[in-house]
Amino acid sequence: MLLSLCPNPCLDIYYYTGALKEDDTNRVDNPLLSPGGKGVNAARVVARFCNDSYLALPLGGCTGECVKKLLEEEGVSSIIVKIAAETRVNTILEQKEKGKHILIAARGAPLNFEELEKLKQTVCECYEPEVLILGGSVPPGLRETFYGEIVENFKETRTKVIVDADGELLRKAVEKKPFAIKPNKYELERLIGHPLLSLNDVVNAARNVKQSGVEVVIVSLGEFGAVCVCDEGTFRIVPPKVEVKNTVGAGDSLVGGFAYGIYAGNSVIDSVKLGVACGTATVMEEGTKLCRKELVREIFENLRIEEI
């Protein structure tokens, strides 16, 4: 099985407006509602390709029920840990006149000890997935070693753990040597502690992280594709030029596509190519709809690979 964990899921509410006016009423059409969070979005993408995939997440309150319903409508099989607190809400304001969006992200409520232990037990003791995605932030109060502890738990197993996180959460996970990580440029800068001013800087930083014990380092670069450092070499995967409608969830889609490729037995490079195709297809969709399978296939055939 392929399992994705999202410790801090949310309900994404996506509004379209021309340009926001301060101290005035901003009228918008009915918003788009979708389940959100890095691990959630990755699982939504995986579910487009795979019938043996699951999403583990804590949900609570009316918002949690809404997220659960939306996941069911997308065909995502969920393993839910019920919590007492209300699931958080993120608001995205798309300003069409400016071509920019504003993301207002709630921190989320802390999990109590019993909820946390049940979530960790669900992932670490109840299943032994072939591929495990650890995606996104964690609720307030949750220790920064959380992902690292899970990576350590699967150390002597067949499970390939992919981490998509930021800050100390990512740093502590890297110390435990997961199979793969997928930072963007800014997350990689925070991981290594200094700015990356060129593609060469990005490549060298990714190579240094790989030398620390991570088998695959993928750095997402937006419209410029991604850099991958792995045992097969160092590569840049460049997508075709497309019309960008929205960038929310593009990096998460890359993780989902890559994870499915690995689960399906593809090479690392072919799996990264699938991930980049998924991320590229996602930016072509409105709001938080994520990629369409048929468009992913088309983009996959038009990717360019450069060995570095």
Foldseek 3Di string as FASTA:
>chain_A
DEEEEFAAKAKEWEWEFADDDPPDDTDTDHTDIAIDFLSVLLQLLLQLPDPPYEYEYEAEDPRSVVHVVRCVVSVHHYDYQYAHDHRYYKYKYQHNNVRDIDIDGDQGADGDPVSVVVSLCVLLPVDDDLEYEYTHDHHPPDDLLVLLVSQLSCVPDNYQYEYEYAASNVLNNLLSAGQEYEEEQVRLCNNVVHHQDDPVSVQVSQVVSVVSRHAKYWYQHPQQAIWIDHPVAIKGKHWDDDDFQDQPSLSSQLSSQLRSCVVVPHDNVLSSLLSSLQSVQQRNDHDRPGHDPVSSVVRSVVMDMDGD
